[in-house]
């Protein structure tokens, strides 16, 4: 990426500014006003927080996707000379603004795909916190980035860790990527225990503070499965070169093993602001006041194999990554549906895996999908998942 940090402020668009990643990104910007400027803020439906953010950061444009909230946002921000738009189409349009240097895609789930595509086509560098974009359409997105010469900078802590480990090593072949997983709140549970857990228990992550969807994914190990698929595309490796290890302390965020057997790890306290800042400021490291890791406070760091028989989602994701084509898109769509229904107490924890597996079996396999195939596969998987839930 062109290094303009010392020439002018980098103008940032944050898609999903009211969510967990978006609010933490604004914390980073707040600490470095000489380096970053907010050009665009968007929210799905949280008009109150979006208005507060816009009053503080004075972006050029805000988008509220929920059109019913448009008037409330417009009435407050229009007198402040902040342009206000509403709807999904507005989201797709604003990422193409000439003034934007970087787009942070912090939208949840499949919703991030089309805005990210349009931002890439407008030659905006991408700070990617929306792993589903690469899960759904990894081949398409990576090809598009090469075509438009766009940097795709990972924000997920695991992928940021790998990216940092590879700095200065791009010419050296990777033997293996090792993604670490905390194990979530149900680490060590067996199926009989999981059959009784509630969504409230699943939302109590031991180490990270995240949104509801990603927290449930972490509890089911689907989050790690999606991250495996994302890593395959980000770092151009084969499925067999990716390994998951459970590391309950969440201090080592991921590791890279090279062909000489040497392993590099990136370490730090579990704090998403560090990978967010690394992506926004890349290729520079800038000063932070984040809490520092103290070895003396951790008597041991432990590692164990994931239990893929109990937590079937990780195995399903690995199957989807190996099979390729439209299968990861189906996996993701079905997962988004079952997580939403689990949060509504319509299905149990173990039923999520059962429905995802059934969707993979039922949706027509497409070996070499184009964009329309990804979209239609997503729609078909959601329809089938909802039908299966209705039959439970």
Protein backbone atom coordinates (compact mmCIF):
# COMPACT_ATOMS: atom_id res chain seq x y z
CA UNK A 1 0.00 0.00 0.00
CA UNK A 2 1.13 3.52 -0.73
CA UNK A 3 2.59 4.95 2.48
CA UNK A 4 0.68 8.17 2.99
CA UNK A 5 0.67 8.13 6.78
CA UNK A 6 3.32 10.83 6.96
CA UNK A 7 1.92 12.86 4.05
CA UNK A 8 -1.77 13.16 4.87
CA UNK A 9 -4.40 11.59 7.04
CA UNK A 10 -5.66 8.26 5.77
CA UNK A 11 -9.39 8.58 5.03
CA UNK A 12 -11.33 5.59 6.34
CA UNK A 13 -14.82 4.23 5.64
CA UNK A 14 -16.10 1.95 8.40
CA UNK A 15 -18.88 -0.39 7.32
CA UNK A 16 -20.58 -1.47 10.53
CA UNK A 17 -19.33 1.30 12.79
CA UNK A 18 -21.75 0.54 15.64
CA UNK A 19 -20.70 -3.10 16.07
CA UNK A 20 -17.88 -4.55 18.14
CA UNK A 21 -15.13 -4.10 15.52
CA UNK A 22 -16.47 -0.75 14.35
CA UNK A 23 -16.54 0.81 17.82
CA UNK A 24 -13.03 -0.47 18.59
CA UNK A 25 -11.78 0.90 15.26
CA UNK A 26 -13.13 4.30 16.27
CA UNK A 27 -11.20 3.96 19.55
CA UNK A 28 -8.03 3.59 17.45
CA UNK A 29 -8.92 6.59 15.28
CA UNK A 30 -9.75 8.63 18.39
CA UNK A 31 -6.20 8.05 19.69
CA UNK A 32 -4.56 9.00 16.37
CA UNK A 33 -6.40 12.00 14.91
CA UNK A 34 -3.28 13.13 13.05
CA UNK A 35 -3.10 9.84 11.14
CA UNK A 36 -6.71 8.88 10.42
CA UNK A 37 -9.85 10.69 9.30
CA UNK A 38 -13.33 9.18 9.19
CA UNK A 39 -14.91 9.70 5.78
CA UNK A 40 -17.88 7.30 6.00
CA UNK A 41 -19.75 5.58 8.84
CA UNK A 42 -22.50 3.00 8.31
CA UNK A 43 -24.84 1.09 10.60
CA UNK A 44 -27.54 -1.52 10.08
CA UNK A 45 -30.16 -0.20 12.51
CA UNK A 46 -28.47 1.47 15.52
CA UNK A 47 -29.38 5.04 14.64
CA UNK A 48 -28.71 6.40 18.15
CA UNK A 49 -25.08 5.28 18.28
CA UNK A 50 -24.50 6.18 14.62
CA UNK A 51 -25.65 9.73 15.33
CA UNK A 52 -23.33 9.97 18.37
CA UNK A 53 -20.37 8.71 16.31
CA UNK A 54 -21.11 11.11 13.46
CA UNK A 55 -21.34 14.10 15.78
CA UNK A 56 -17.92 13.21 17.23
CA UNK A 57 -16.04 12.20 14.06
CA UNK A 58 -17.79 14.45 11.52
CA UNK A 59 -17.69 12.11 8.51
CA UNK A 60 -18.59 13.29 5.03
CA UNK A 61 -21.31 10.64 4.75
CA UNK A 62 -23.30 8.25 6.94
CA UNK A 63 -25.53 5.38 5.84
CA UNK A 64 -28.27 3.80 7.93
CA UNK A 65 -29.26 0.56 6.20
CA UNK A 66 -32.61 0.31 7.98
CA UNK A 67 -34.60 2.82 5.92
CA UNK A 68 -37.16 3.32 8.68
CA UNK A 69 -34.44 5.05 10.73
CA UNK A 70 -33.46 7.48 7.95
CA UNK A 71 -35.47 10.47 9.11
CA UNK A 72 -34.20 10.35 12.69
CA UNK A 73 -30.59 10.33 11.46
CA UNK A 74 -31.18 12.97 8.79
CA UNK A 75 -32.88 15.40 11.17
CA UNK A 76 -29.86 15.49 13.48
CA UNK A 77 -26.97 15.27 11.02
CA UNK A 78 -28.13 17.25 8.00
CA UNK A 79 -27.79 20.59 9.85
CA UNK A 80 -24.18 19.56 10.61
CA UNK A 81 -23.46 19.29 6.87
CA UNK A 82 -23.16 15.48 7.06
CA UNK A 83 -24.77 13.69 4.12
CA UNK A 84 -27.23 10.96 5.15
CA UNK A 85 -28.32 8.02 3.00
CA UNK A 86 -30.33 4.88 3.70
CA UNK A 87 -30.65 1.34 2.36
CA UNK A 88 -28.42 -1.43 1.03
CA UNK A 89 -27.88 0.29 -2.29
CA UNK A 90 -26.46 3.33 -0.51
CA UNK A 91 -24.00 1.07 1.26
CA UNK A 92 -22.78 -0.24 -2.08
CA UNK A 93 -22.50 3.29 -3.51
CA UNK A 94 -20.60 5.03 -0.72
CA UNK A 95 -17.67 2.59 -0.77
CA UNK A 96 -16.88 3.86 -4.26
CA UNK A 97 -16.37 7.48 -3.17
CA UNK A 98 -13.18 8.91 -4.62
CA UNK A 99 -12.11 10.45 -1.32
CA UNK A 100 -11.84 7.09 0.53
CA UNK A 101 -8.36 5.56 1.01
CA UNK A 102 -9.38 2.41 2.91
CA UNK A 103 -12.60 0.53 3.66
CA UNK A 104 -12.87 -1.37 6.93
CA UNK A 105 -15.54 -4.02 6.34
CA UNK A 106 -16.88 -4.81 9.80
CA UNK A 107 -20.33 -5.95 8.68
CA UNK A 108 -21.61 -9.23 10.09
CA UNK A 109 -21.95 -12.23 7.77
CA UNK A 110 -22.91 -12.48 4.11
CA UNK A 111 -24.03 -8.83 4.10
CA UNK A 112 -20.38 -7.81 3.70
CA UNK A 113 -19.85 -9.52 0.33
CA UNK A 114 -21.29 -7.09 -2.24
CA UNK A 115 -20.06 -3.86 -0.57
CA UNK A 116 -16.55 -5.38 -0.37
CA UNK A 117 -16.68 -6.32 -4.06
CA UNK A 118 -17.72 -2.79 -5.04
CA UNK A 119 -14.99 -1.26 -2.86
CA UNK A 120 -12.35 -3.46 -4.52
CA UNK A 121 -13.65 -2.52 -7.98
CA UNK A 122 -13.27 1.13 -6.93
CA UNK A 123 -9.63 0.31 -6.02
CA UNK A 124 -10.07 0.90 -2.29
CA UNK A 125 -7.71 -0.98 -0.01
CA UNK A 126 -9.63 -3.33 2.28
CA UNK A 127 -9.18 -3.93 6.00
CA UNK A 128 -11.19 -7.15 6.25
CA UNK A 129 -13.01 -7.96 9.48
CA UNK A 130 -15.78 -9.75 7.59
CA UNK A 131 -14.40 -13.28 7.16
CA UNK A 132 -17.59 -14.45 5.46
CA UNK A 133 -16.62 -12.51 2.32
CA UNK A 134 -13.71 -14.89 1.72
CA UNK A 135 -15.60 -17.92 3.01
CA UNK A 136 -18.41 -17.38 0.51
CA UNK A 137 -16.41 -16.23 -2.54
CA UNK A 138 -12.71 -16.61 -1.80
CA UNK A 139 -11.57 -17.35 -5.35
CA UNK A 140 -13.62 -14.50 -6.78
CA UNK A 141 -12.44 -11.97 -4.18
CA UNK A 142 -8.74 -12.83 -4.37
CA UNK A 143 -8.83 -12.73 -8.17
CA UNK A 144 -10.56 -9.36 -8.01
CA UNK A 145 -7.93 -7.94 -5.63
CA UNK A 146 -5.18 -9.00 -8.03
CA UNK A 147 -7.05 -7.51 -10.98
CA UNK A 148 -7.47 -4.11 -9.31
CA UNK A 149 -4.15 -4.16 -7.40
CA UNK A 150 -5.91 -3.83 -4.04
CA UNK A 151 -4.44 -4.79 -0.66
CA UNK A 152 -6.59 -7.15 1.42
CA UNK A 153 -5.40 -6.63 4.99
CA UNK A 154 -6.72 -9.08 7.62
CA UNK A 155 -8.28 -7.75 10.82
CA UNK A 156 -9.23 -11.06 12.50
CA UNK A 157 -6.68 -11.56 15.27
CA UNK A 158 -5.62 -14.99 13.92
CA UNK A 159 -5.08 -13.80 10.37
CA UNK A 160 -3.42 -10.59 11.49
CA UNK A 161 -1.06 -12.77 13.54
CA UNK A 162 -0.16 -14.86 10.48
CA UNK A 163 0.24 -11.70 8.39
CA UNK A 164 2.60 -10.25 10.99
CA UNK A 165 4.59 -13.50 11.17
CA UNK A 166 5.04 -13.42 7.39
CA UNK A 167 6.41 -9.86 7.31
CA UNK A 168 9.84 -10.14 5.72
CA UNK A 169 9.16 -13.80 4.88
CA UNK A 170 7.01 -13.52 1.76
CA UNK A 171 9.71 -15.17 -0.37
CA UNK A 172 9.90 -18.20 1.97
CA UNK A 173 7.46 -21.09 1.43
CA UNK A 174 4.97 -21.91 4.18
CA UNK A 175 4.84 -25.47 5.47
CA UNK A 176 1.89 -25.00 7.80
CA UNK A 177 -0.41 -22.37 9.29
CA UNK A 178 -1.51 -23.05 12.87
CA UNK A 179 -4.66 -21.22 13.95
CA UNK A 180 -5.26 -21.04 17.68
CA UNK A 181 -8.72 -21.39 19.22
CA UNK A 182 -9.69 -20.59 22.79
CA UNK A 183 -12.12 -23.52 22.82
CA UNK A 184 -14.92 -21.18 23.83
CA UNK A 185 -17.11 -21.45 26.94
CA UNK A 186 -17.84 -25.17 26.40
CA UNK A 187 -14.30 -26.49 26.02
CA UNK A 188 -14.19 -30.04 27.38
CA UNK A 189 -17.96 -30.53 27.16
CA UNK A 190 -19.37 -33.73 25.68
CA UNK A 191 -22.55 -34.07 23.60
CA UNK A 192 -24.84 -34.80 26.52
CA UNK A 193 -23.71 -31.55 28.17
CA UNK A 194 -23.98 -29.57 24.94
CA UNK A 195 -27.53 -30.76 24.41
CA UNK A 196 -28.58 -28.75 27.48
CA UNK A 197 -26.66 -25.47 26.99
CA UNK A 198 -28.51 -22.19 26.44
CA UNK A 199 -27.67 -19.27 24.18
CA UNK A 200 -26.99 -17.16 27.28
CA UNK A 201 -24.28 -19.61 28.37
CA UNK A 202 -22.89 -19.67 24.82
CA UNK A 203 -22.57 -15.87 24.86
CA UNK A 204 -20.17 -15.97 27.84
CA UNK A 205 -16.83 -16.16 26.03
CA UNK A 206 -13.91 -16.67 28.43
CA UNK A 207 -11.43 -14.30 26.73
CA UNK A 208 -12.92 -12.08 24.02
CA UNK A 209 -15.67 -9.47 23.93
CA UNK A 210 -17.44 -9.85 20.58
CA UNK A 211 -20.84 -9.55 18.91
CA UNK A 212 -23.51 -12.22 19.47
CA UNK A 213 -23.11 -14.03 16.15
CA UNK A 214 -19.33 -14.47 16.31
CA UNK A 215 -19.54 -15.44 20.01
CA UNK A 216 -21.96 -18.27 19.22
CA UNK A 217 -19.70 -19.30 16.32
CA UNK A 218 -16.79 -19.40 18.75
CA UNK A 219 -18.75 -21.60 21.17
CA UNK A 220 -19.56 -24.09 18.37
CA UNK A 221 -16.03 -23.85 16.83
CA UNK A 222 -17.64 -22.71 13.56
CA UNK A 223 -15.72 -19.46 13.89
CA UNK A 224 -12.47 -21.40 13.69
CA UNK A 225 -13.81 -23.33 10.72
CA UNK A 226 -14.64 -20.11 8.88
CA UNK A 227 -11.19 -18.78 9.76
CA UNK A 228 -9.55 -21.84 8.21
CA UNK A 229 -11.31 -21.13 4.92
CA UNK A 230 -10.41 -17.44 5.14
CA UNK A 231 -6.75 -18.34 5.79
CA UNK A 232 -6.66 -20.61 2.74
CA UNK A 233 -7.52 -17.68 0.48
CA UNK A 234 -5.60 -14.94 2.29
CA UNK A 235 -2.33 -16.86 2.32
CA UNK A 236 -2.75 -19.09 -0.76
CA UNK A 237 -2.24 -22.44 0.99
CA UNK A 238 -3.80 -25.88 0.59
CA UNK A 239 -6.34 -27.21 3.15
CA UNK A 240 -3.84 -29.78 4.44
CA UNK A 241 -1.45 -26.93 5.33
CA UNK A 242 -3.88 -25.53 7.90
CA UNK A 243 -4.10 -26.86 11.45
CA UNK A 244 -6.19 -25.79 14.43
CA UNK A 245 -4.94 -26.09 18.00
CA UNK A 246 -6.90 -25.18 21.14
CA UNK A 247 -5.03 -22.63 23.26
CA UNK A 248 -7.31 -21.60 26.16
CA UNK A 249 -5.29 -18.55 27.24
CA UNK A 250 -5.62 -16.78 23.83
CA UNK A 251 -2.12 -15.26 24.13
CA UNK A 252 -0.61 -16.82 21.01
CA UNK A 253 -2.95 -15.65 18.25
CA UNK A 254 -1.59 -17.93 15.50
CA UNK A 255 1.64 -19.42 14.19
CA UNK A 256 3.46 -20.02 10.91
CA UNK A 257 5.71 -23.03 10.36
CA UNK A 258 8.25 -22.71 7.55
CA UNK A 259 9.82 -25.48 5.48
CA UNK A 260 12.94 -25.52 7.65
CA UNK A 261 10.78 -26.44 10.68
CA UNK A 262 11.06 -23.03 12.32
CA UNK A 263 7.82 -21.68 13.84
CA UNK A 264 6.95 -18.01 14.28
CA UNK A 265 4.18 -16.94 16.66
CA UNK A 266 2.51 -13.60 17.25
CA UNK A 267 1.59 -13.01 20.89
CA UNK A 268 -0.26 -10.47 22.96
CA UNK A 269 -3.24 -9.99 25.24
CA UNK A 270 -6.62 -10.69 23.64
CA UNK A 271 -7.49 -7.18 22.40
CA UNK A 272 -8.96 -6.61 18.93
CA UNK A 273 -7.75 -3.02 18.82
CA UNK A 274 -4.19 -4.19 18.08
CA UNK A 275 -5.00 -6.05 14.82
CA UNK A 276 -7.40 -3.26 13.83
CA UNK A 277 -4.67 -0.65 14.32
CA UNK A 278 -2.11 -2.80 12.48
CA UNK A 279 -4.40 -3.01 9.43
CA UNK A 280 -5.39 0.66 9.43
CA UNK A 281 -1.78 1.88 9.73
CA UNK A 282 -0.09 -0.78 7.57
CA UNK A 283 2.78 -0.92 6.69
CA UNK A 284 3.69 1.13 9.76
CA UNK A 285 3.48 0.16 13.41
CA UNK A 286 2.29 3.10 15.45
CA UNK A 287 2.38 3.77 19.18
CA UNK A 288 -0.42 2.41 21.34
CA UNK A 289 -1.33 2.49 25.01
CA UNK A 290 -2.89 -1.00 24.89
CA UNK A 291 -2.18 -3.17 27.96
CA UNK A 292 1.06 -5.13 27.67
CA UNK A 293 1.45 -8.87 28.15
CA UNK A 294 3.45 -9.86 31.23
CA UNK A 295 5.01 -13.34 31.11
CA UNK A 296 5.21 -13.47 34.90
CA UNK A 297 1.40 -13.38 35.12
CA UNK A 298 1.05 -16.54 32.99
CA UNK A 299 2.68 -19.55 34.62
CA UNK A 300 1.92 -21.69 31.56
CA UNK A 301 0.50 -21.56 28.06
CA UNK A 302 -1.29 -24.78 27.13
CA UNK A 303 -2.34 -26.44 23.88
CA UNK A 304 -4.63 -29.33 22.99
CA UNK A 305 -6.31 -30.98 20.01
CA UNK A 306 -9.83 -29.76 19.14
CA UNK A 307 -12.63 -32.27 19.74
CA UNK A 308 -14.10 -32.44 16.22
CA UNK A 309 -16.39 -35.36 17.08
CA UNK A 310 -18.24 -33.37 19.70
CA UNK A 311 -17.92 -30.00 17.97
CA UNK A 312 -18.90 -31.12 14.46
CA UNK A 313 -18.84 -27.64 12.92
CA UNK A 314 -15.05 -27.62 12.68
CA UNK A 315 -15.12 -30.88 10.71
CA UNK A 316 -17.92 -29.59 8.47
CA UNK A 317 -15.89 -26.46 7.71
CA UNK A 318 -12.82 -28.53 6.89
CA UNK A 319 -14.93 -30.65 4.53
CA UNK A 320 -16.27 -27.49 2.87
CA UNK A 321 -12.74 -26.12 2.45
CA UNK A 322 -11.54 -29.37 0.86
CA UNK A 323 -14.57 -29.74 -1.40
CA UNK A 324 -14.46 -26.09 -2.46
CA UNK A 325 -16.79 -24.71 -5.10
CA UNK A 326 -20.03 -23.42 -3.60
CA UNK A 327 -19.86 -25.64 -0.48
CA UNK A 328 -18.29 -22.96 1.80
CA UNK A 329 -21.05 -20.58 0.69
CA UNK A 330 -23.67 -23.14 1.68
CA UNK A 331 -21.92 -23.78 5.00
CA UNK A 332 -21.89 -20.07 5.80
CA UNK A 333 -25.51 -19.42 4.81
CA UNK A 334 -26.85 -22.37 6.78
CA UNK A 335 -24.76 -21.35 9.77
CA UNK A 336 -26.09 -17.78 9.73
CA UNK A 337 -29.65 -19.13 9.78
CA UNK A 338 -29.08 -21.66 12.59
CA UNK A 339 -27.21 -19.18 14.79
CA UNK A 340 -30.07 -16.70 14.47
CA UNK A 341 -32.58 -19.41 15.40
CA UNK A 342 -30.46 -20.69 18.30
CA UNK A 343 -30.34 -17.14 19.67
CA UNK A 344 -34.16 -17.11 19.45
CA UNK A 345 -34.29 -20.48 21.29
CA UNK A 346 -35.98 -22.16 18.30
CA UNK A 347 -33.33 -24.92 18.08
CA UNK A 348 -30.74 -26.45 20.40
CA UNK A 349 -26.97 -26.14 20.27
CA UNK A 350 -26.34 -29.56 18.70
CA UNK A 351 -29.09 -29.10 16.12
CA UNK A 352 -27.10 -26.31 14.52
CA UNK A 353 -24.51 -28.79 13.21
CA UNK A 354 -27.19 -31.26 12.10
CA UNK A 355 -28.97 -28.65 9.98
CA UNK A 356 -25.75 -27.32 8.44
CA UNK A 357 -24.70 -30.84 7.48
CA UNK A 358 -28.10 -31.51 5.90
CA UNK A 359 -27.93 -28.28 3.89
CA UNK A 360 -24.50 -29.20 2.50
CA UNK A 361 -25.94 -32.55 1.39
CA UNK A 362 -29.06 -31.02 -0.19
CA UNK A 363 -27.75 -27.96 -2.10
CA UNK A 364 -26.58 -28.66 -5.64
CA UNK A 365 -22.77 -28.74 -5.84
CA UNK A 366 -21.11 -26.29 -8.23
CA UNK A 367 -17.39 -26.95 -8.68
CA UNK A 368 -16.46 -23.63 -10.33
CA UNK A 369 -19.05 -21.05 -9.29
CA UNK A 370 -19.31 -17.50 -10.61
CA UNK A 371 -20.71 -14.65 -8.52
CA UNK A 372 -24.34 -15.42 -9.41
CA UNK A 373 -23.78 -19.02 -8.26
CA UNK A 374 -22.53 -17.85 -4.87
CA UNK A 375 -25.62 -15.68 -4.50
CA UNK A 376 -28.06 -18.41 -5.58
CA UNK A 377 -26.33 -21.02 -3.37
CA UNK A 378 -26.64 -18.67 -0.41
CA UNK A 379 -30.35 -18.21 -1.08
CA UNK A 380 -30.97 -21.95 -1.56
CA UNK A 381 -29.09 -22.89 1.61
CA UNK A 382 -31.04 -20.36 3.67
CA UNK A 383 -34.35 -21.64 2.30
CA UNK A 384 -33.48 -25.27 3.06
CA UNK A 385 -32.17 -24.43 6.55
CA UNK A 386 -35.40 -22.61 7.40
CA UNK A 387 -37.46 -25.54 6.10
CA UNK A 388 -35.44 -27.99 8.24
CA UNK A 389 -35.85 -25.79 11.31
CA UNK A 390 -39.59 -25.65 10.66
CA UNK A 391 -39.68 -29.45 10.69
CA UNK A 392 -37.93 -29.75 14.07
